[in-house]
Amino acid sequence: MKKKPTWPEYLFLAFIAVAISTTFAIVPNQSDNFEDGTTQGWDWNGGAANPTPPINITTDGPAGVNDNYLRVTSSGGSSAGSKLVVINITQWAGDYITAGVQSISMYIKNFGATTLSMRIGLRGPGGDFWSINPVVVAASNDWQPITFSILPANLTGGANVNSTLSGVTSVRILHSVSGGYTGDPVAVQIGLDNITAASQPVPVELTSFTAQAQDKTIILNWVFATEINNRGFEIQRKVVESDFATIGFVKGEGTTTHQKEYSYVDKNLTEGKYFYRLKQLDFSGVSEYSNTIEVDIRSLDNFILEQNYPNPFNPTTIIEYVLQEKSNTKLTLLNAIGEEVAILVNGEQDKGYHKVELNGKNLSSGVYFYHIKAGNFSQIKKMILMR
C-alpha cells in the first residue's frame, strides 16, 4: 500500500506545484486591459505600504469613454509611496525565454507636471535587471503607446540576465532617471492600459497601400489589420534616378488587434513620376519596409497621349494618357497597314490621368500604332513588338 504523504510532504508538493505554475505563467501576447474592474495583480510593494495603491478607473482610457485603465499615484519626498513603481508578481512571472516574450508594451498617460523616464524592471534568480534606456513620457501628455524591450542586450543590473529571464518572479514598471530597480521619488499620477507581452518586435499586418493623384497632390492610404509595438511610419518618397528620402511621419497605434486606417497627403508637387514606400518602426528601433507604389502627376490642362513604355516591348507595355475633361474615349490598336487589331478602351472616362496595359502575347512581332479619340482630341503613336 502506498504511504500517505505527511503534512510537511503535502506542503513541499504544494510548493513545487506553485513554483512550476509560476515559472511558466508568462505567455506570448497576454494582455491586461483592466476591463474586469480589478488591478489584475498590479500593485505596489516596494517597502512600506503605499497610502494610495493603484486603482481601476472605469472610463477615459485610450479608447475613450467606458474604457477602463489602471491609475498609479506616487507622493514624492521620502514618505511611503514616494516612488512611482507598480509591480506584478502573479501572471507576469515566469520563464520569458521559453515563452519567447521579447518585449512588454502598453499605453501610458502622464497626468502630472514632471517629465518621466519610464523603465521596465525584472527580478529573478540572476538578480535585478532594468532597462538600459528609458522611455521618456512628457508631462501632461495624452495617451501614448510605449514598449520596453526585455532582450538581454537592452537590460542591465544583476549577475546573470538569462537566469533572471528564465525565472522572473516579479515585473516592475517604474520611473528612474539614472537607472535602477527601485525607482525615483516623484509626485505624479499616471494611467496604464493594455499591458501586453509581445513575442516578436514587428508583428504587424499590412493589408493595403494605395495612392491617388489629385492635380498637384498625392494622397496615400494604408490599412493595418493588427499592430504590436508599432511606433509609427516614416513616409518615404523618391523620383526617377534618386534615392528614397523621408518626407513625413505618421504615429502608429502601438499594440492593437483592431484594423486601423492611415493616410498622408503630399502637396505642391510638380509633374512627373513619384515612388512611395512605408518604413514601419517599432519602439525598439526595428524597422520593416512596405512594397513600393508608383504615382504619376500630370497636368490636366491639355489632352495628352504619352509614348508607350517599354518600347520596343515583349509582351506587355503601358499606354498613358490625360483627359482635359470628361470624355467619351476610344483607344484602339492598329497594325502596320492601319487595320484595327484590338479595342483597348471604349466608353466615358473622367478628367485626369489614365493608364492601360497592353498584352501582346497573341500578336506577331512588328510595328503597331495606337490611336486615341476623346471628344475633339485625336492622336496616333507608333510602337514595336519585338520577340
Protein backbone atom coordinates (compact mmCIF):
# COMPACT_ATOMS: atom_id res chain seq x y z
CA MET A 1 0.00 0.00 0.00
CA LYS A 2 1.34 3.44 -0.96
CA LYS A 3 2.31 5.54 2.05
CA LYS A 4 0.08 8.62 2.60
CA PRO A 5 2.12 11.87 2.47
CA THR A 6 2.70 13.66 5.77
CA TRP A 7 1.77 17.35 6.20
CA PRO A 8 5.37 18.54 5.54
CA GLU A 9 5.33 16.46 2.34
CA TYR A 10 1.96 17.97 1.35
CA LEU A 11 3.42 21.42 1.84
CA PHE A 12 6.51 20.55 -0.19
CA LEU A 13 4.39 19.20 -3.07
CA ALA A 14 2.20 22.30 -2.96
CA PHE A 15 5.30 24.48 -3.09
CA ILE A 16 6.59 22.57 -6.14
CA ALA A 17 3.21 22.96 -7.88
CA VAL A 18 3.17 26.70 -7.24
CA ALA A 19 6.77 27.05 -8.40
CA ILE A 20 6.04 25.22 -11.66
CA SER A 21 2.91 27.28 -12.22
CA THR A 22 4.83 30.50 -11.59
CA THR A 23 7.79 29.51 -13.74
CA PHE A 24 5.66 29.02 -16.85
CA ALA A 25 2.95 31.63 -16.17
CA ILE A 26 4.01 34.13 -18.85
CA VAL A 27 2.70 33.50 -22.38
CA PRO A 28 3.14 35.47 -25.63
CA ASN A 29 0.56 38.19 -26.33
CA GLN A 30 -1.05 38.01 -22.89
CA SER A 31 -2.58 41.37 -22.03
CA ASP A 32 -4.06 43.27 -19.09
CA ASN A 33 -6.74 45.74 -20.16
CA PHE A 34 -8.38 46.20 -16.72
CA GLU A 35 -11.89 45.78 -18.14
CA ASP A 36 -12.76 43.31 -15.34
CA GLY A 37 -12.75 46.17 -12.79
CA THR A 38 -9.69 44.92 -10.87
CA THR A 39 -6.00 45.85 -10.87
CA GLN A 40 -5.24 42.38 -12.38
CA GLY A 41 -2.37 41.76 -9.98
CA TRP A 42 -0.60 45.09 -10.48
CA ASP A 43 0.22 46.57 -7.06
CA TRP A 44 2.86 48.50 -5.12
CA ASN A 45 5.03 46.56 -2.64
CA GLY A 46 8.40 48.26 -2.75
CA GLY A 47 8.68 48.58 1.01
CA ALA A 48 6.20 50.40 3.23
CA ALA A 49 2.57 50.23 2.18
CA ASN A 50 1.55 52.81 -0.39
CA PRO A 51 -1.09 55.13 1.10
CA THR A 52 -2.52 55.47 -2.43
CA PRO A 53 -2.46 51.99 -4.04
CA PRO A 54 -3.20 51.54 -7.76
CA ILE A 55 -6.90 51.64 -8.60
CA ASN A 56 -9.08 50.67 -11.55
CA ILE A 57 -10.68 53.65 -13.31
CA THR A 58 -13.76 52.76 -15.35
CA THR A 59 -13.64 55.38 -18.10
CA ASP A 60 -11.43 57.64 -20.26
CA GLY A 61 -8.77 55.06 -21.09
CA PRO A 62 -7.02 55.11 -24.50
CA ALA A 63 -10.25 54.07 -26.24
CA GLY A 64 -12.24 56.87 -24.57
CA VAL A 65 -15.47 56.67 -22.60
CA ASN A 66 -16.12 53.32 -20.83
CA ASP A 67 -12.52 52.13 -21.37
CA ASN A 68 -11.01 51.04 -18.02
CA TYR A 69 -7.41 51.73 -17.07
CA LEU A 70 -5.06 51.43 -14.07
CA ARG A 71 -4.27 54.67 -12.20
CA VAL A 72 -0.94 54.76 -10.32
CA THR A 73 -0.08 57.60 -7.90
CA SER A 74 3.16 58.48 -6.09
CA SER A 75 3.58 61.17 -3.45
CA GLY A 76 7.23 62.25 -3.82
CA GLY A 77 9.56 63.07 -0.94
CA SER A 78 10.75 60.32 1.38
CA SER A 79 7.43 59.03 2.72
CA ALA A 80 5.77 55.73 1.93
CA GLY A 81 4.52 55.66 -1.64
CA SER A 82 7.02 58.34 -2.70
CA LYS A 83 8.29 56.37 -5.70
CA LEU A 84 6.45 55.66 -8.95
CA VAL A 85 6.59 51.85 -9.00
CA VAL A 86 3.91 49.33 -9.91
CA ILE A 87 4.66 45.61 -9.56
CA ASN A 88 3.15 42.30 -10.66
CA ILE A 89 4.23 39.01 -9.06
CA THR A 90 1.44 36.77 -10.38
CA GLN A 91 0.57 36.23 -14.06
CA TRP A 92 3.59 38.26 -15.28
CA ALA A 93 6.11 35.99 -13.56
CA GLY A 94 7.64 33.01 -15.33
CA ASP A 95 10.09 31.86 -17.98
CA TYR A 96 10.30 34.64 -20.57
CA ILE A 97 12.95 32.88 -22.66
CA THR A 98 10.95 29.67 -23.10
CA ALA A 99 7.78 31.68 -23.75
CA GLY A 100 9.61 33.71 -26.41
CA VAL A 101 8.46 37.04 -24.97
CA GLN A 102 10.81 39.79 -26.14
CA SER A 103 9.05 42.99 -25.11
CA ILE A 104 6.27 44.45 -22.98
CA SER A 105 4.15 47.21 -24.47
CA MET A 106 1.40 49.41 -23.02
CA TYR A 107 -0.42 52.69 -23.22
CA ILE A 108 0.61 55.36 -20.72
CA LYS A 109 -0.74 58.78 -19.79
CA ASN A 110 1.20 61.24 -17.61
CA PHE A 111 -1.28 63.37 -15.63
CA GLY A 112 1.48 65.21 -13.73
CA ALA A 113 3.75 68.18 -14.38
CA THR A 114 7.03 66.19 -14.40
CA THR A 115 8.57 64.51 -17.44
CA LEU A 116 9.06 60.83 -16.62
CA SER A 117 11.82 58.36 -17.51
CA MET A 118 9.99 55.04 -17.55
CA ARG A 119 11.76 51.67 -17.39
CA ILE A 120 10.87 48.01 -17.02
CA GLY A 121 12.37 46.05 -14.14
CA LEU A 122 12.67 42.27 -13.75
CA ARG A 123 13.58 40.29 -10.62
CA GLY A 124 14.75 36.67 -10.75
CA PRO A 125 17.46 34.16 -9.79
CA GLY A 126 20.15 36.06 -11.69
CA GLY A 127 19.48 39.34 -9.86
CA ASP A 128 17.53 42.52 -10.51
CA PHE A 129 17.58 43.97 -14.05
CA TRP A 130 16.12 47.08 -15.65
CA SER A 131 16.03 48.91 -18.99
CA ILE A 132 19.30 50.47 -20.07
CA ASN A 133 17.48 53.21 -21.94
CA PRO A 134 14.32 54.78 -20.51
CA VAL A 135 11.21 55.71 -22.45
CA VAL A 136 10.62 59.44 -21.92
CA VAL A 137 6.99 60.41 -21.28
CA ALA A 138 6.32 64.14 -21.42
CA ALA A 139 4.43 65.97 -18.69
CA SER A 140 0.66 66.30 -19.10
CA ASN A 141 0.68 64.15 -22.22
CA ASP A 142 -2.22 62.32 -23.82
CA TRP A 143 -2.34 58.52 -24.04
CA GLN A 144 0.63 57.16 -25.99
CA PRO A 145 1.85 53.64 -26.78
CA ILE A 146 5.27 52.67 -25.43
CA THR A 147 7.29 49.45 -25.50
CA PHE A 148 10.07 48.10 -23.30
CA SER A 149 12.47 45.61 -24.85
CA ILE A 150 13.41 42.78 -22.50
CA LEU A 151 16.07 41.31 -24.75
CA PRO A 152 19.27 40.72 -22.72
CA ALA A 153 21.17 43.39 -24.70
CA ASN A 154 18.68 46.04 -23.55
CA LEU A 155 18.82 45.20 -19.83
CA THR A 156 21.40 45.89 -17.13
CA GLY A 157 21.81 45.25 -13.43
CA GLY A 158 22.37 41.86 -11.79
CA ALA A 159 24.77 38.97 -12.31
CA ASN A 160 23.06 36.77 -14.92
CA VAL A 161 20.33 38.23 -17.12
CA ASN A 162 19.45 34.91 -18.79
CA SER A 163 18.96 33.27 -15.41
CA THR A 164 16.57 36.06 -14.38
CA LEU A 165 14.65 35.94 -17.66
CA SER A 166 14.27 32.16 -17.25
CA GLY A 167 12.62 32.56 -13.85
CA VAL A 168 11.17 36.04 -13.40
CA THR A 169 9.48 36.40 -10.01
CA SER A 170 8.26 39.99 -10.40
CA VAL A 171 7.92 42.66 -13.08
CA ARG A 172 8.11 46.40 -12.33
CA ILE A 173 7.06 49.45 -14.30
CA LEU A 174 8.87 52.39 -12.76
CA HIS A 175 10.22 55.92 -13.15
CA SER A 176 14.00 56.18 -12.84
CA VAL A 177 16.15 58.90 -14.39
CA SER A 178 19.57 57.33 -13.83
CA GLY A 179 18.53 53.68 -13.81
CA GLY A 180 17.87 51.10 -11.12
CA TYR A 181 15.22 48.68 -9.91
CA THR A 182 13.68 50.74 -7.10
CA GLY A 183 12.70 53.96 -8.91
CA ASP A 184 12.99 57.64 -8.02
CA PRO A 185 10.78 59.68 -5.66
CA VAL A 186 8.36 61.79 -7.71
CA ALA A 187 4.96 63.36 -7.15
CA VAL A 188 2.94 62.26 -10.16
CA GLN A 189 -0.07 60.31 -11.35
CA ILE A 190 -0.10 58.08 -14.43
CA GLY A 191 -2.54 55.86 -16.28
CA LEU A 192 -1.62 52.43 -17.68
CA ASP A 193 -3.64 50.25 -20.04
CA ASN A 194 -3.35 47.33 -22.47
CA ILE A 195 -0.13 45.97 -20.94
CA THR A 196 0.88 43.31 -23.48
CA ALA A 197 3.63 40.70 -23.83
CA ALA A 198 4.99 40.58 -27.38
CA SER A 199 6.82 37.61 -28.87
CA GLN A 200 8.14 39.49 -31.92
CA PRO A 201 9.43 43.05 -32.39
CA VAL A 202 7.49 43.95 -35.55
CA PRO A 203 4.42 41.69 -35.88
CA VAL A 204 2.22 43.97 -37.98
CA GLU A 205 -0.05 43.05 -40.86
CA LEU A 206 -0.33 45.48 -43.79
CA THR A 207 -3.46 44.74 -45.81
CA SER A 208 -3.34 47.55 -48.40
CA PHE A 209 -1.20 50.50 -49.52
CA THR A 210 -2.60 52.75 -52.28
CA ALA A 211 -2.13 56.23 -53.74
CA GLN A 212 -4.39 58.67 -55.54
CA ALA A 213 -3.28 61.73 -57.55
CA GLN A 214 -5.41 64.89 -57.46
CA ASP A 215 -3.90 67.72 -59.52
CA LYS A 216 -0.62 68.55 -57.70
CA THR A 217 -1.40 66.42 -54.63
CA ILE A 218 -0.93 62.72 -53.88
CA ILE A 219 -3.00 61.06 -51.16
CA LEU A 220 -1.53 57.89 -49.62
CA ASN A 221 -3.78 55.44 -47.80
CA TRP A 222 -2.83 52.25 -46.00
CA VAL A 223 -4.54 49.77 -43.69
CA PHE A 224 -3.09 47.55 -40.96
CA ALA A 225 -5.13 44.64 -39.63
CA THR A 226 -3.03 44.21 -36.45
CA GLU A 227 -0.18 46.06 -34.76
CA ILE A 228 2.19 45.15 -31.94
CA ASN A 229 4.82 47.62 -30.65
CA ASN A 230 4.19 49.87 -33.65
CA ARG A 231 5.75 53.30 -33.06
CA GLY A 232 4.71 54.56 -36.48
CA PHE A 233 5.55 55.02 -40.15
CA GLU A 234 8.15 57.05 -41.97
CA ILE A 235 6.74 58.16 -45.32
CA GLN A 236 9.49 57.80 -47.91
CA ARG A 237 9.41 59.24 -51.45
CA LYS A 238 11.68 59.19 -54.46
CA VAL A 239 11.61 60.41 -58.05
CA VAL A 240 13.26 58.75 -61.02
CA GLU A 241 17.07 58.43 -60.63
CA SER A 242 17.11 59.46 -56.97
CA ASP A 243 17.16 57.71 -53.60
CA PHE A 244 14.28 57.39 -51.17
CA ALA A 245 14.03 60.24 -48.65
CA THR A 246 11.78 60.57 -45.60
CA ILE A 247 9.15 63.29 -46.05
CA GLY A 248 6.90 62.71 -43.05
CA PHE A 249 5.94 60.55 -40.08
CA VAL A 250 2.57 59.11 -39.02
CA LYS A 251 2.15 57.86 -35.45
CA GLY A 252 1.19 54.19 -35.01
CA GLU A 253 -1.26 52.58 -32.61
CA GLY A 254 1.30 50.67 -30.54
CA THR A 255 -0.42 47.36 -29.87
CA THR A 256 -3.92 46.67 -31.16
CA THR A 257 -5.85 43.85 -32.80
CA HIS A 258 -8.30 46.29 -34.40
CA GLN A 259 -7.98 47.32 -38.05
CA LYS A 260 -6.56 50.83 -38.43
CA GLU A 261 -6.65 53.08 -41.50
CA TYR A 262 -3.89 55.65 -42.06
CA SER A 263 -3.36 58.42 -44.61
CA TYR A 264 -0.79 61.01 -45.63
CA VAL A 265 -1.16 63.94 -48.06
CA ASP A 266 1.84 65.02 -50.16
CA LYS A 267 1.15 68.50 -51.53
CA ASN A 268 2.55 71.04 -54.02
CA LEU A 269 4.16 68.52 -56.35
CA THR A 270 5.41 69.16 -59.86
CA GLU A 271 4.65 66.97 -62.85
CA GLY A 272 6.39 63.60 -63.01
CA LYS A 273 6.55 60.10 -61.57
CA TYR A 274 6.77 59.56 -57.82
CA PHE A 275 7.53 56.39 -55.86
CA TYR A 276 6.43 55.85 -52.24
CA ARG A 277 7.08 53.29 -49.54
CA LEU A 278 6.44 52.99 -45.78
CA LYS A 279 9.15 52.34 -43.23
CA GLN A 280 7.36 50.83 -40.24
CA LEU A 281 9.22 51.27 -36.92
CA ASP A 282 8.73 49.54 -33.58
CA PHE A 283 9.66 51.02 -30.21
CA SER A 284 12.95 49.10 -30.10
CA GLY A 285 14.14 50.66 -33.37
CA VAL A 286 13.48 47.60 -35.55
CA SER A 287 12.10 48.54 -38.96
CA GLU A 288 10.39 46.94 -41.95
CA TYR A 289 9.59 48.30 -45.42
CA SER A 290 6.35 48.05 -47.33
CA ASN A 291 6.09 47.44 -51.05
CA THR A 292 6.79 50.43 -53.33
CA ILE A 293 3.94 52.08 -55.22
CA GLU A 294 4.18 54.41 -58.23
CA VAL A 295 2.09 57.51 -58.87
CA ASP A 296 2.11 59.94 -61.80
CA ILE A 297 1.38 63.66 -61.56
CA ARG A 298 0.33 65.15 -64.87
CA SER A 299 -1.06 68.49 -65.97
CA LEU A 300 -4.80 68.35 -66.56
CA ASP A 301 -4.85 71.46 -68.72
CA ASN A 302 -4.48 69.56 -72.03
CA PHE A 303 -5.24 66.23 -73.72
CA ILE A 304 -2.04 64.17 -73.77
CA LEU A 305 -1.15 60.80 -75.31
CA GLU A 306 2.21 59.53 -73.98
CA GLN A 307 4.68 57.25 -75.73
CA ASN A 308 4.18 53.69 -74.55
CA TYR A 309 6.84 52.12 -72.30
CA PRO A 310 8.77 50.00 -72.65
CA ASN A 311 9.16 50.39 -76.39
CA PRO A 312 10.09 48.07 -78.08
CA PHE A 313 8.22 45.66 -75.76
CA ASN A 314 7.67 41.93 -75.21
CA PRO A 315 4.97 41.02 -74.42
CA THR A 316 3.48 43.85 -72.30
CA THR A 317 3.64 47.64 -72.45
CA ILE A 318 1.93 50.58 -70.75
CA ILE A 319 -0.03 53.33 -72.54
CA GLU A 320 -0.72 56.52 -70.55
CA TYR A 321 -2.92 59.47 -71.43
CA VAL A 322 -4.50 62.55 -69.84
CA LEU A 323 -8.05 63.76 -70.47
CA GLN A 324 -8.59 67.50 -70.15
CA GLU A 325 -12.26 66.91 -69.45
CA LYS A 326 -14.73 64.09 -69.02
CA SER A 327 -14.97 62.46 -72.45
CA ASN A 328 -16.21 59.52 -74.48
CA THR A 329 -12.87 57.84 -75.08
CA LYS A 330 -11.82 55.18 -77.55
CA LEU A 331 -8.30 53.75 -77.58
CA THR A 332 -7.57 51.25 -80.36
CA LEU A 333 -4.61 49.21 -81.55
CA LEU A 334 -3.84 49.22 -85.31
CA ASN A 335 -1.48 47.05 -87.35
CA ALA A 336 1.13 48.37 -89.78
CA ILE A 337 -1.44 48.90 -92.59
CA GLY A 338 -3.98 50.67 -90.35
CA GLU A 339 -6.35 47.79 -89.64
CA GLU A 340 -7.96 47.71 -86.20
CA VAL A 341 -6.48 44.84 -84.16
CA ALA A 342 -7.97 45.49 -80.71
CA ILE A 343 -10.11 47.97 -78.78
CA LEU A 344 -8.36 48.83 -75.50
CA VAL A 345 -10.79 51.45 -74.15
CA ASN A 346 -14.30 52.33 -75.29
CA GLY A 347 -16.52 54.42 -73.04
CA GLU A 348 -16.90 57.56 -70.96
CA GLN A 349 -13.94 58.41 -68.70
CA ASP A 350 -13.37 61.14 -66.12
CA LYS A 351 -10.96 64.03 -66.46
CA GLY A 352 -7.45 63.14 -65.35
CA TYR A 353 -4.66 60.63 -65.77
CA HIS A 354 -5.32 57.13 -67.15
CA LYS A 355 -3.15 54.09 -67.74
CA VAL A 356 -3.75 50.94 -69.82
CA GLU A 357 -1.63 47.80 -70.05
CA LEU A 358 -1.43 46.11 -73.46
CA ASN A 359 -0.55 42.41 -73.51
CA GLY A 360 0.75 41.37 -76.95
CA LYS A 361 1.22 37.66 -76.23
CA ASN A 362 -1.17 36.77 -79.09
CA LEU A 363 0.30 39.30 -81.55
CA SER A 364 3.05 38.85 -84.12
CA SER A 365 6.28 40.81 -83.97
CA GLY A 366 6.27 44.05 -85.87
CA VAL A 367 5.15 47.68 -85.98
CA TYR A 368 1.81 48.73 -84.46
CA PHE A 369 0.01 52.01 -83.86
CA TYR A 370 -2.27 53.08 -81.03
CA HIS A 371 -4.95 55.68 -81.67
CA ILE A 372 -6.90 57.68 -79.10
CA LYS A 373 -10.05 59.69 -79.78
CA ALA A 374 -11.57 61.65 -76.88
CA GLY A 375 -14.08 64.37 -77.77
CA ASN A 376 -12.36 66.54 -80.41
CA PHE A 377 -8.91 65.19 -79.47
CA SER A 378 -7.32 62.57 -81.76
CA GLN A 379 -3.72 61.32 -81.88
CA ILE A 380 -1.72 58.30 -83.11
CA LYS A 381 1.65 56.96 -81.91
CA LYS A 382 3.83 54.06 -83.05
CA MET A 383 5.04 51.07 -81.03
CA ILE A 384 7.14 48.00 -81.79
CA LEU A 385 6.57 44.44 -80.55
CA MET A 386 9.89 42.62 -80.67
CA ARG A 387 10.11 38.96 -79.68
